[in-house]
N, C-alpha and C. Protein backbone atom coordinates (compact mmCIF):
# COMPACT_ATOMS: atom_id res chain seq x y z
N MET A 1 0.83 -1.18 0.00
CA MET A 1 0.00 0.00 0.00
C MET A 1 0.88 1.25 0.00
N THR A 2 0.56 2.19 -0.86
CA THR A 2 1.34 3.42 -0.98
C THR A 2 1.02 4.37 0.17
N ILE A 3 2.04 4.99 0.71
CA ILE A 3 1.86 5.97 1.78
C ILE A 3 0.97 7.11 1.28
N LYS A 4 0.26 7.74 2.21
CA LYS A 4 -0.63 8.82 1.83
C LYS A 4 -0.62 9.91 2.90
N VAL A 5 -1.23 11.04 2.60
CA VAL A 5 -1.32 12.14 3.54
C VAL A 5 -1.98 11.63 4.82
N GLY A 6 -1.40 11.99 5.95
CA GLY A 6 -1.90 11.57 7.25
C GLY A 6 -1.18 10.37 7.83
N ASP A 7 -0.42 9.65 6.98
CA ASP A 7 0.33 8.48 7.44
C ASP A 7 1.62 8.90 8.12
N LYS A 8 2.07 8.06 9.05
CA LYS A 8 3.37 8.25 9.69
C LYS A 8 4.43 7.59 8.81
N ILE A 9 5.56 8.22 8.70
CA ILE A 9 6.69 7.67 7.94
C ILE A 9 7.10 6.35 8.60
N PRO A 10 7.29 5.28 7.82
CA PRO A 10 7.70 4.01 8.42
C PRO A 10 9.11 4.08 9.01
N SER A 11 9.35 3.27 10.01
CA SER A 11 10.65 3.23 10.68
C SER A 11 11.61 2.34 9.88
N VAL A 12 12.61 2.97 9.27
CA VAL A 12 13.58 2.27 8.42
C VAL A 12 14.96 2.87 8.69
N THR A 13 15.99 2.05 8.57
CA THR A 13 17.37 2.53 8.66
C THR A 13 17.93 2.67 7.26
N LEU A 14 18.48 3.84 6.96
CA LEU A 14 19.04 4.16 5.66
C LEU A 14 20.51 4.53 5.86
N LYS A 15 21.14 5.07 4.81
CA LYS A 15 22.55 5.45 4.88
C LYS A 15 22.74 6.88 4.36
N VAL A 16 23.68 7.56 4.99
CA VAL A 16 24.21 8.83 4.50
C VAL A 16 25.73 8.74 4.59
N MET A 17 26.41 9.58 3.84
CA MET A 17 27.86 9.57 3.90
C MET A 17 28.32 10.42 5.07
N GLY A 18 29.10 9.82 5.94
CA GLY A 18 29.67 10.53 7.08
C GLY A 18 31.14 10.80 6.85
N GLU A 19 31.81 11.36 7.82
CA GLU A 19 33.23 11.68 7.71
C GLU A 19 34.09 10.45 7.50
N LYS A 20 33.67 9.31 8.06
CA LYS A 20 34.45 8.07 7.97
C LYS A 20 33.80 7.04 7.04
N GLY A 21 32.90 7.49 6.19
CA GLY A 21 32.23 6.57 5.27
C GLY A 21 30.74 6.49 5.54
N PRO A 22 30.07 5.53 4.91
CA PRO A 22 28.62 5.40 5.09
C PRO A 22 28.25 5.17 6.56
N GLN A 23 27.19 5.86 6.98
CA GLN A 23 26.71 5.66 8.34
C GLN A 23 25.20 5.50 8.33
N ASN A 24 24.71 4.77 9.31
CA ASN A 24 23.27 4.55 9.45
C ASN A 24 22.58 5.82 9.91
N ILE A 25 21.37 6.00 9.43
CA ILE A 25 20.49 7.06 9.92
C ILE A 25 19.07 6.51 9.82
N THR A 26 18.30 6.75 10.84
CA THR A 26 16.93 6.23 10.85
C THR A 26 15.95 7.29 10.38
N THR A 27 14.80 6.82 9.95
CA THR A 27 13.74 7.77 9.57
C THR A 27 13.31 8.57 10.79
N ASN A 28 13.37 7.99 11.98
CA ASN A 28 13.03 8.74 13.19
C ASN A 28 13.98 9.92 13.35
N GLU A 29 15.28 9.70 13.14
CA GLU A 29 16.25 10.79 13.25
C GLU A 29 16.00 11.87 12.20
N LEU A 30 15.59 11.46 11.03
CA LEU A 30 15.39 12.40 9.92
C LEU A 30 14.12 13.23 10.05
N PHE A 31 13.05 12.63 10.61
CA PHE A 31 11.73 13.26 10.55
C PHE A 31 11.13 13.70 11.88
N ASP A 32 11.46 13.03 12.98
CA ASP A 32 10.80 13.34 14.25
C ASP A 32 11.14 14.75 14.72
N GLY A 33 10.10 15.51 15.05
CA GLY A 33 10.28 16.86 15.58
C GLY A 33 10.72 17.88 14.55
N LYS A 34 10.62 17.54 13.26
CA LYS A 34 11.09 18.44 12.20
C LYS A 34 10.03 18.57 11.09
N LYS A 35 10.15 19.66 10.36
CA LYS A 35 9.39 19.81 9.12
C LYS A 35 10.39 19.55 7.99
N VAL A 36 10.08 18.57 7.15
CA VAL A 36 11.02 18.10 6.15
C VAL A 36 10.35 18.05 4.77
N VAL A 37 11.09 18.47 3.77
CA VAL A 37 10.71 18.23 2.38
C VAL A 37 11.60 17.10 1.89
N MET A 38 10.96 16.07 1.37
CA MET A 38 11.71 14.95 0.82
C MET A 38 11.23 14.69 -0.60
N PHE A 39 12.20 14.48 -1.48
CA PHE A 39 11.85 14.07 -2.83
C PHE A 39 12.70 12.86 -3.18
N ALA A 40 12.14 12.00 -4.01
CA ALA A 40 12.85 10.79 -4.43
C ALA A 40 12.99 10.79 -5.94
N VAL A 41 14.10 10.24 -6.37
CA VAL A 41 14.39 10.14 -7.80
C VAL A 41 14.68 8.68 -8.14
N PRO A 42 14.42 8.29 -9.38
CA PRO A 42 14.70 6.90 -9.78
C PRO A 42 16.18 6.55 -9.77
N GLY A 43 17.06 7.52 -10.00
CA GLY A 43 18.48 7.18 -10.00
C GLY A 43 19.39 8.39 -10.05
N ALA A 44 20.41 8.37 -9.22
CA ALA A 44 21.43 9.41 -9.25
C ALA A 44 22.14 9.40 -10.60
N PHE A 45 22.54 10.56 -11.05
CA PHE A 45 23.28 10.75 -12.30
C PHE A 45 22.45 10.44 -13.56
N THR A 46 21.17 10.17 -13.42
CA THR A 46 20.34 9.94 -14.61
C THR A 46 19.90 11.31 -15.16
N PRO A 47 19.56 11.39 -16.44
CA PRO A 47 19.33 12.70 -17.06
C PRO A 47 18.28 13.58 -16.38
N GLY A 48 17.06 13.12 -16.23
CA GLY A 48 16.02 13.96 -15.63
C GLY A 48 16.34 14.35 -14.20
N CYS A 49 16.94 13.43 -13.48
CA CYS A 49 17.28 13.67 -12.08
C CYS A 49 18.41 14.69 -11.96
N SER A 50 19.40 14.58 -12.82
CA SER A 50 20.58 15.44 -12.75
C SER A 50 20.40 16.78 -13.44
N LEU A 51 19.57 16.83 -14.47
CA LEU A 51 19.40 18.07 -15.23
C LEU A 51 18.27 18.93 -14.72
N THR A 52 17.26 18.32 -14.07
CA THR A 52 16.07 19.07 -13.69
C THR A 52 15.70 18.92 -12.22
N HIS A 53 15.49 17.68 -11.76
CA HIS A 53 14.89 17.48 -10.44
C HIS A 53 15.77 17.97 -9.30
N LEU A 54 16.96 17.39 -9.14
CA LEU A 54 17.86 17.82 -8.07
C LEU A 54 18.28 19.28 -8.20
N PRO A 55 18.66 19.76 -9.39
CA PRO A 55 19.08 21.16 -9.49
C PRO A 55 18.01 22.16 -9.02
N GLY A 56 16.75 21.85 -9.24
CA GLY A 56 15.69 22.74 -8.78
C GLY A 56 15.72 22.91 -7.27
N TYR A 57 15.94 21.81 -6.55
CA TYR A 57 16.00 21.88 -5.09
C TYR A 57 17.29 22.54 -4.61
N VAL A 58 18.37 22.35 -5.33
CA VAL A 58 19.63 23.01 -4.97
C VAL A 58 19.45 24.53 -5.06
N VAL A 59 18.86 25.00 -6.13
CA VAL A 59 18.68 26.43 -6.35
C VAL A 59 17.63 27.03 -5.41
N LYS A 60 16.57 26.28 -5.13
CA LYS A 60 15.44 26.80 -4.34
C LYS A 60 15.54 26.46 -2.84
N ALA A 61 16.63 25.86 -2.40
CA ALA A 61 16.75 25.41 -1.01
C ALA A 61 16.51 26.53 -0.01
N ASP A 62 17.09 27.69 -0.23
CA ASP A 62 16.92 28.80 0.72
C ASP A 62 15.46 29.24 0.79
N GLU A 63 14.78 29.30 -0.35
CA GLU A 63 13.36 29.68 -0.37
C GLU A 63 12.52 28.64 0.37
N ILE A 64 12.83 27.36 0.16
CA ILE A 64 12.09 26.29 0.83
C ILE A 64 12.31 26.36 2.33
N LYS A 65 13.54 26.52 2.75
CA LYS A 65 13.85 26.58 4.19
C LYS A 65 13.25 27.83 4.84
N ALA A 66 13.12 28.91 4.06
CA ALA A 66 12.50 30.13 4.58
C ALA A 66 11.03 29.93 4.91
N LYS A 67 10.44 28.86 4.41
CA LYS A 67 9.04 28.54 4.69
C LYS A 67 8.90 27.67 5.94
N GLY A 68 9.96 27.58 6.75
CA GLY A 68 9.90 26.82 7.99
C GLY A 68 10.34 25.38 7.88
N VAL A 69 10.99 25.03 6.78
CA VAL A 69 11.47 23.66 6.56
C VAL A 69 12.84 23.51 7.20
N ASP A 70 12.99 22.45 8.01
CA ASP A 70 14.26 22.20 8.69
C ASP A 70 15.29 21.55 7.79
N SER A 71 14.86 20.64 6.93
CA SER A 71 15.81 19.97 6.03
C SER A 71 15.12 19.52 4.75
N ILE A 72 15.95 19.37 3.73
CA ILE A 72 15.51 18.88 2.42
C ILE A 72 16.28 17.61 2.15
N ILE A 73 15.55 16.55 1.85
CA ILE A 73 16.16 15.24 1.63
C ILE A 73 15.94 14.81 0.19
N CYS A 74 17.02 14.40 -0.46
CA CYS A 74 16.96 13.78 -1.77
C CYS A 74 17.26 12.29 -1.56
N MET A 75 16.31 11.42 -1.91
CA MET A 75 16.47 9.99 -1.69
C MET A 75 16.46 9.24 -3.02
N SER A 76 17.31 8.23 -3.09
CA SER A 76 17.33 7.36 -4.26
C SER A 76 17.77 5.96 -3.84
N VAL A 77 17.36 4.98 -4.61
CA VAL A 77 17.82 3.61 -4.39
C VAL A 77 19.19 3.49 -5.05
N ASN A 78 20.16 4.02 -4.34
CA ASN A 78 21.57 3.97 -4.70
C ASN A 78 22.34 3.83 -3.38
N ASP A 79 23.64 3.56 -3.46
CA ASP A 79 24.42 3.45 -2.23
C ASP A 79 24.90 4.83 -1.79
N ALA A 80 25.41 4.90 -0.56
CA ALA A 80 25.83 6.18 0.02
C ALA A 80 27.00 6.80 -0.75
N PHE A 81 27.87 5.98 -1.34
CA PHE A 81 28.99 6.51 -2.12
C PHE A 81 28.48 7.25 -3.36
N VAL A 82 27.52 6.65 -4.04
CA VAL A 82 26.94 7.27 -5.24
C VAL A 82 26.19 8.54 -4.86
N MET A 83 25.38 8.48 -3.81
CA MET A 83 24.61 9.65 -3.42
C MET A 83 25.52 10.80 -3.00
N SER A 84 26.59 10.49 -2.31
CA SER A 84 27.54 11.52 -1.89
C SER A 84 28.24 12.14 -3.10
N ALA A 85 28.69 11.30 -4.02
CA ALA A 85 29.38 11.81 -5.23
C ALA A 85 28.42 12.65 -6.07
N TRP A 86 27.18 12.21 -6.19
CA TRP A 86 26.19 12.96 -6.96
C TRP A 86 25.90 14.30 -6.30
N GLY A 87 25.77 14.31 -4.98
CA GLY A 87 25.54 15.56 -4.27
C GLY A 87 26.68 16.54 -4.47
N LYS A 88 27.91 16.05 -4.41
CA LYS A 88 29.07 16.92 -4.64
C LYS A 88 29.08 17.45 -6.07
N ALA A 89 28.79 16.60 -7.03
CA ALA A 89 28.77 17.00 -8.44
C ALA A 89 27.68 18.04 -8.72
N GLN A 90 26.61 18.03 -7.91
CA GLN A 90 25.48 18.94 -8.12
C GLN A 90 25.47 20.12 -7.13
N ASN A 91 26.55 20.28 -6.35
CA ASN A 91 26.62 21.35 -5.36
C ASN A 91 25.45 21.29 -4.37
N ALA A 92 25.11 20.08 -3.95
CA ALA A 92 23.95 19.85 -3.08
C ALA A 92 24.37 19.57 -1.64
N ASP A 93 25.47 20.15 -1.20
CA ASP A 93 25.96 19.90 0.16
C ASP A 93 24.97 20.33 1.23
N HIS A 94 24.06 21.25 0.91
CA HIS A 94 23.08 21.74 1.88
C HIS A 94 21.80 20.89 1.91
N LEU A 95 21.77 19.80 1.13
CA LEU A 95 20.68 18.85 1.15
C LEU A 95 21.18 17.55 1.78
N ILE A 96 20.27 16.76 2.31
CA ILE A 96 20.63 15.43 2.81
C ILE A 96 20.49 14.46 1.64
N MET A 97 21.59 13.86 1.24
CA MET A 97 21.60 12.91 0.13
C MET A 97 21.46 11.51 0.73
N LEU A 98 20.26 10.98 0.69
CA LEU A 98 19.89 9.78 1.43
C LEU A 98 19.92 8.55 0.53
N ALA A 99 20.65 7.54 0.97
CA ALA A 99 20.81 6.31 0.21
C ALA A 99 19.89 5.22 0.75
N ASP A 100 19.05 4.69 -0.13
CA ASP A 100 18.16 3.58 0.18
C ASP A 100 18.64 2.39 -0.65
N GLY A 101 19.87 1.97 -0.39
CA GLY A 101 20.56 0.99 -1.23
C GLY A 101 19.83 -0.31 -1.48
N ASN A 102 19.07 -0.78 -0.53
CA ASN A 102 18.33 -2.05 -0.70
C ASN A 102 16.86 -1.83 -0.99
N ALA A 103 16.45 -0.60 -1.22
CA ALA A 103 15.06 -0.23 -1.48
C ALA A 103 14.14 -0.55 -0.29
N ASP A 104 14.70 -0.62 0.92
CA ASP A 104 13.88 -0.89 2.10
C ASP A 104 12.84 0.20 2.32
N PHE A 105 13.26 1.46 2.19
CA PHE A 105 12.35 2.59 2.40
C PHE A 105 11.33 2.67 1.27
N ALA A 106 11.80 2.53 0.03
CA ALA A 106 10.89 2.56 -1.12
C ALA A 106 9.82 1.48 -0.98
N ASN A 107 10.21 0.30 -0.56
CA ASN A 107 9.24 -0.78 -0.37
C ASN A 107 8.30 -0.49 0.79
N ALA A 108 8.83 -0.01 1.92
CA ALA A 108 8.01 0.27 3.09
C ALA A 108 6.98 1.36 2.81
N MET A 109 7.30 2.26 1.88
CA MET A 109 6.39 3.35 1.53
C MET A 109 5.47 2.98 0.37
N GLY A 110 5.64 1.79 -0.20
CA GLY A 110 4.82 1.40 -1.34
C GLY A 110 5.19 2.13 -2.61
N LEU A 111 6.46 2.53 -2.72
CA LEU A 111 6.92 3.34 -3.86
C LEU A 111 7.95 2.64 -4.73
N ALA A 112 8.12 1.34 -4.53
CA ALA A 112 9.10 0.61 -5.34
C ALA A 112 8.68 0.61 -6.80
N LEU A 113 9.66 0.75 -7.66
CA LEU A 113 9.46 0.80 -9.10
C LEU A 113 10.33 -0.27 -9.73
N ASP A 114 9.76 -1.08 -10.58
CA ASP A 114 10.53 -2.12 -11.27
C ASP A 114 11.20 -1.52 -12.49
N GLY A 115 12.48 -1.23 -12.35
CA GLY A 115 13.25 -0.67 -13.46
C GLY A 115 14.08 -1.70 -14.19
N SER A 116 13.75 -2.98 -13.99
CA SER A 116 14.56 -4.05 -14.58
C SER A 116 14.53 -4.03 -16.10
N GLY A 117 13.49 -3.52 -16.69
CA GLY A 117 13.42 -3.40 -18.14
C GLY A 117 14.47 -2.45 -18.70
N TYR A 118 14.98 -1.57 -17.83
CA TYR A 118 16.02 -0.62 -18.21
C TYR A 118 17.38 -1.01 -17.64
N GLY A 119 17.44 -2.21 -17.03
CA GLY A 119 18.69 -2.66 -16.41
C GLY A 119 18.98 -1.96 -15.10
N MET A 120 17.95 -1.42 -14.46
CA MET A 120 18.15 -0.64 -13.24
C MET A 120 17.65 -1.34 -11.96
N GLY A 121 17.05 -2.52 -12.08
CA GLY A 121 16.55 -3.22 -10.90
C GLY A 121 15.43 -2.47 -10.22
N THR A 122 15.33 -2.64 -8.91
CA THR A 122 14.30 -1.94 -8.14
C THR A 122 14.74 -0.52 -7.87
N ARG A 123 13.85 0.41 -8.10
CA ARG A 123 14.10 1.84 -7.85
C ARG A 123 12.92 2.41 -7.08
N CYS A 124 12.90 3.71 -6.90
CA CYS A 124 11.79 4.40 -6.23
C CYS A 124 11.10 5.29 -7.25
N LYS A 125 9.78 5.32 -7.17
CA LYS A 125 9.03 6.23 -8.03
C LYS A 125 9.44 7.66 -7.72
N ARG A 126 9.39 8.50 -8.74
CA ARG A 126 9.70 9.93 -8.56
C ARG A 126 8.54 10.56 -7.78
N MET A 127 8.88 11.17 -6.66
CA MET A 127 7.83 11.73 -5.81
C MET A 127 8.40 12.87 -4.97
N ALA A 128 7.48 13.56 -4.28
CA ALA A 128 7.87 14.57 -3.30
C ALA A 128 6.83 14.58 -2.19
N MET A 129 7.29 14.93 -0.99
CA MET A 129 6.38 15.02 0.14
C MET A 129 6.86 16.06 1.13
N VAL A 130 5.91 16.53 1.91
CA VAL A 130 6.21 17.37 3.06
C VAL A 130 5.82 16.53 4.27
N VAL A 131 6.73 16.46 5.24
CA VAL A 131 6.52 15.65 6.43
C VAL A 131 6.70 16.55 7.65
N ASP A 132 5.69 16.57 8.51
CA ASP A 132 5.74 17.37 9.72
C ASP A 132 5.73 16.44 10.93
N ASN A 133 6.83 16.43 11.67
CA ASN A 133 6.99 15.58 12.85
C ASN A 133 6.66 14.11 12.53
N GLY A 134 7.15 13.64 11.41
CA GLY A 134 6.99 12.24 11.04
C GLY A 134 5.69 11.88 10.35
N VAL A 135 4.80 12.85 10.14
CA VAL A 135 3.51 12.60 9.50
C VAL A 135 3.47 13.31 8.15
N VAL A 136 3.05 12.59 7.12
CA VAL A 136 2.98 13.15 5.77
C VAL A 136 1.83 14.15 5.68
N THR A 137 2.15 15.39 5.28
CA THR A 137 1.12 16.42 5.13
C THR A 137 0.85 16.79 3.66
N HIS A 138 1.76 16.40 2.78
CA HIS A 138 1.60 16.61 1.34
C HIS A 138 2.37 15.50 0.65
N PHE A 139 1.76 14.92 -0.40
CA PHE A 139 2.42 13.81 -1.08
C PHE A 139 1.97 13.75 -2.53
N VAL A 140 2.94 13.66 -3.44
CA VAL A 140 2.64 13.52 -4.86
C VAL A 140 3.60 12.53 -5.51
N ILE A 141 3.07 11.78 -6.46
CA ILE A 141 3.89 10.88 -7.30
C ILE A 141 3.82 11.42 -8.71
N GLU A 142 4.97 11.50 -9.35
CA GLU A 142 5.01 11.95 -10.75
C GLU A 142 4.49 10.86 -11.68
N PRO A 143 3.74 11.27 -12.71
CA PRO A 143 3.43 10.30 -13.76
C PRO A 143 4.71 9.97 -14.52
N PRO A 144 4.78 8.82 -15.16
CA PRO A 144 6.01 8.45 -15.89
C PRO A 144 6.50 9.57 -16.80
N GLY A 145 7.79 9.87 -16.69
CA GLY A 145 8.42 10.87 -17.54
C GLY A 145 8.27 12.30 -17.07
N GLY A 146 7.49 12.53 -16.01
CA GLY A 146 7.24 13.89 -15.56
C GLY A 146 8.17 14.35 -14.46
N ILE A 147 8.40 15.65 -14.41
CA ILE A 147 9.07 16.30 -13.28
C ILE A 147 8.37 17.64 -13.10
N VAL A 148 7.11 17.57 -12.68
CA VAL A 148 6.30 18.77 -12.52
C VAL A 148 5.77 18.86 -11.09
N VAL A 149 4.93 17.90 -10.68
CA VAL A 149 4.28 17.98 -9.37
C VAL A 149 5.25 17.75 -8.22
N SER A 150 6.39 17.15 -8.50
CA SER A 150 7.40 16.91 -7.44
C SER A 150 8.56 17.89 -7.51
N SER A 151 8.46 18.89 -8.35
CA SER A 151 9.54 19.86 -8.52
C SER A 151 9.64 20.78 -7.31
N ALA A 152 10.77 21.43 -7.17
CA ALA A 152 10.97 22.39 -6.08
C ALA A 152 9.95 23.53 -6.19
N GLU A 153 9.66 23.94 -7.39
CA GLU A 153 8.68 25.02 -7.60
C GLU A 153 7.30 24.61 -7.12
N ALA A 154 6.89 23.38 -7.41
CA ALA A 154 5.59 22.89 -6.99
C ALA A 154 5.52 22.76 -5.47
N ILE A 155 6.60 22.29 -4.86
CA ILE A 155 6.63 22.16 -3.39
C ILE A 155 6.55 23.53 -2.74
N LEU A 156 7.22 24.53 -3.30
CA LEU A 156 7.15 25.88 -2.75
C LEU A 156 5.71 26.38 -2.71
N GLN A 157 4.92 26.00 -3.68
CA GLN A 157 3.53 26.47 -3.74
C GLN A 157 2.66 25.87 -2.64
N VAL A 158 3.03 24.71 -2.11
CA VAL A 158 2.21 24.07 -1.08
C VAL A 158 2.72 24.34 0.35
N LEU A 159 3.89 24.94 0.46
CA LEU A 159 4.43 25.21 1.81
C LEU A 159 3.80 26.45 2.43
């Protein structure tokens, strides 16, 4: 079942790049007591994700945070090394580049995408959400090929 507005974010352990390499971080640490904008992409370094989706959030981060958002999370079913390298390549150091390497979070949220036809295995559907103290207050999934409803501009309109 796909997560929806009013649902609590499931408890999952993910990875971020720390000073000494990949480190665990839980969804509780990421969301509890905070207002968070999170968006997910099918894959780091892929064209739509690298040319449009992530750059929009990099450029609009200050405007988003000015609306009372504590953090902006970019999540993908990639490992922490890839997410860290992609964040550096995109000047996204002010965003949390979250690695869901085994698709545990994508599966728990009902957002797993079968990308095996493209040689990509399991991925996450392109989406965006606003989460307040662990509860989803806004949630959208992009139709295939789109980067409109989950864009930084669209999220700014709902904050």
